[in-house]
């Protein structure tokens, strides 16, 4: 996985969506690990996978980690 940008996933809102921020910019509202992965790809992390999102230590998960969504496998 490339890049060392600060990545923050915010606590779920009332709909269950979580804001995704990379390098100070809000990229969107994620409702799944697939959404987070796609936002990070668009931010330049072309080789990131859903497993990377779950296992990497570079994401600041606020209000609960990736386990709030079911794992893709």
C-alpha atoms as a PDB file:
ATOM      1  CA  UNK A   1       0.000   0.000   0.000  1.00  0.00           C
ATOM      2  CA  UNK A   2       1.421   3.335  -0.981  1.00  0.00           C
ATOM      3  CA  UNK A   3       1.125   6.713   0.677  1.00  0.00           C
ATOM      4  CA  UNK A   4       1.431   8.037   4.188  1.00  0.00           C
ATOM      5  CA  UNK A   5      -1.453  10.488   4.177  1.00  0.00           C
ATOM      6  CA  UNK A   6      -3.370  10.999   7.403  1.00  0.00           C
ATOM      7  CA  UNK A   7      -6.557   8.942   7.064  1.00  0.00           C
ATOM      8  CA  UNK A   8      -9.494   9.372   9.452  1.00  0.00           C
ATOM      9  CA  UNK A   9     -12.744   7.407   9.440  1.00  0.00           C
ATOM     10  CA  UNK A  10     -15.297   9.173  11.642  1.00  0.00           C
ATOM     11  CA  UNK A  11     -17.959   7.590  13.875  1.00  0.00           C
ATOM     12  CA  UNK A  12     -21.134   6.415  12.181  1.00  0.00           C
ATOM     13  CA  UNK A  13     -23.924   8.951  11.787  1.00  0.00           C
ATOM     14  CA  UNK A  14     -27.601   8.114  12.296  1.00  0.00           C
ATOM     15  CA  UNK A  15     -27.739   6.375   8.897  1.00  0.00           C
ATOM     16  CA  UNK A  16     -24.641   4.267   9.650  1.00  0.00           C
ATOM     17  CA  UNK A  17     -22.452   6.169   7.196  1.00  0.00           C
ATOM     18  CA  UNK A  18     -18.950   7.279   8.190  1.00  0.00           C
ATOM     19  CA  UNK A  19     -17.127  10.328   6.820  1.00  0.00           C
ATOM     20  CA  UNK A  20     -13.765   9.540   5.253  1.00  0.00           C
ATOM     21  CA  UNK A  21     -11.044  12.189   5.458  1.00  0.00           C
ATOM     22  CA  UNK A  22      -7.643  11.924   3.772  1.00  0.00           C
ATOM     23  CA  UNK A  23      -4.978  14.576   4.191  1.00  0.00           C
ATOM     24  CA  UNK A  24      -7.522  17.000   5.655  1.00  0.00           C
ATOM     25  CA  UNK A  25     -10.064  16.630   2.824  1.00  0.00           C
ATOM     26  CA  UNK A  26     -13.430  14.938   3.299  1.00  0.00           C
ATOM     27  CA  UNK A  27     -13.777  12.433   0.452  1.00  0.00           C
ATOM     28  CA  UNK A  28     -17.287  11.256   1.147  1.00  0.00           C
ATOM     29  CA  UNK A  29     -19.596   9.141   3.263  1.00  0.00           C
ATOM     30  CA  UNK A  30     -18.779   5.442   3.422  1.00  0.00           C
ATOM     31  CA  UNK A  31     -21.418   2.828   4.177  1.00  0.00           C
ATOM     32  CA  UNK A  32     -19.109  -0.165   3.737  1.00  0.00           C
ATOM     33  CA  UNK A  33     -15.470  -1.224   3.595  1.00  0.00           C
ATOM     34  CA  UNK A  34     -15.816  -1.227  -0.172  1.00  0.00           C
ATOM     35  CA  UNK A  35     -16.689   2.483  -0.044  1.00  0.00           C
ATOM     36  CA  UNK A  36     -13.655   3.272   2.133  1.00  0.00           C
ATOM     37  CA  UNK A  37     -11.414   1.312  -0.215  1.00  0.00           C
ATOM     38  CA  UNK A  38     -12.752   3.151  -3.259  1.00  0.00           C
ATOM     39  CA  UNK A  39     -12.266   6.572  -1.621  1.00  0.00           C
ATOM     40  CA  UNK A  40      -8.660   5.666  -0.794  1.00  0.00           C
ATOM     41  CA  UNK A  41      -8.046   4.484  -4.356  1.00  0.00           C
ATOM     42  CA  UNK A  42      -9.345   7.797  -5.653  1.00  0.00           C
ATOM     43  CA  UNK A  43      -6.979   9.536  -3.234  1.00  0.00           C
ATOM     44  CA  UNK A  44      -4.045   7.849  -4.969  1.00  0.00           C
ATOM     45  CA  UNK A  45      -3.667   4.570  -3.088  1.00  0.00           C
ATOM     46  CA  UNK A  46      -4.223   2.500  -6.203  1.00  0.00           C
ATOM     47  CA  UNK A  47      -3.039  -0.785  -4.736  1.00  0.00           C
ATOM     48  CA  UNK A  48      -5.128  -0.745  -1.541  1.00  0.00           C
ATOM     49  CA  UNK A  49      -7.491  -3.649  -0.875  1.00  0.00           C
ATOM     50  CA  UNK A  50     -10.355  -4.118   1.570  1.00  0.00           C
ATOM     51  CA  UNK A  51      -8.052  -6.355   3.599  1.00  0.00           C
ATOM     52  CA  UNK A  52      -5.506  -3.490   3.784  1.00  0.00           C
ATOM     53  CA  UNK A  53      -8.256  -1.204   5.073  1.00  0.00           C
ATOM     54  CA  UNK A  54      -9.035  -3.682   7.862  1.00  0.00           C
ATOM     55  CA  UNK A  55      -5.488  -4.648   8.810  1.00  0.00           C
ATOM     56  CA  UNK A  56      -3.416  -1.527   8.228  1.00  0.00           C
ATOM     57  CA  UNK A  57      -2.401   0.628  11.142  1.00  0.00           C
ATOM     58  CA  UNK A  58      -2.451   3.850   9.156  1.00  0.00           C
ATOM     59  CA  UNK A  59      -6.172   4.557   9.519  1.00  0.00           C
ATOM     60  CA  UNK A  60      -7.473   6.465  12.525  1.00  0.00           C
ATOM     61  CA  UNK A  61     -10.808   4.737  13.169  1.00  0.00           C
ATOM     62  CA  UNK A  62     -12.932   6.953  15.403  1.00  0.00           C
ATOM     63  CA  UNK A  63     -16.018   5.609  17.126  1.00  0.00           C
ATOM     64  CA  UNK A  64     -15.237   1.970  16.313  1.00  0.00           C
ATOM     65  CA  UNK A  65     -13.073   0.164  13.828  1.00  0.00           C
ATOM     66  CA  UNK A  66     -13.770  -1.623  10.594  1.00  0.00           C
ATOM     67  CA  UNK A  67     -15.555  -4.380  12.515  1.00  0.00           C
ATOM     68  CA  UNK A  68     -18.696  -2.211  12.442  1.00  0.00           C
ATOM     69  CA  UNK A  69     -19.132  -3.506   8.894  1.00  0.00           C
ATOM     70  CA  UNK A  70     -19.000  -7.174   7.927  1.00  0.00           C
ATOM     71  CA  UNK A  71     -15.686  -8.364   6.491  1.00  0.00           C
ATOM     72  CA  UNK A  72     -15.772  -8.959   2.726  1.00  0.00           C
ATOM     73  CA  UNK A  73     -14.611 -12.575   3.078  1.00  0.00           C
END
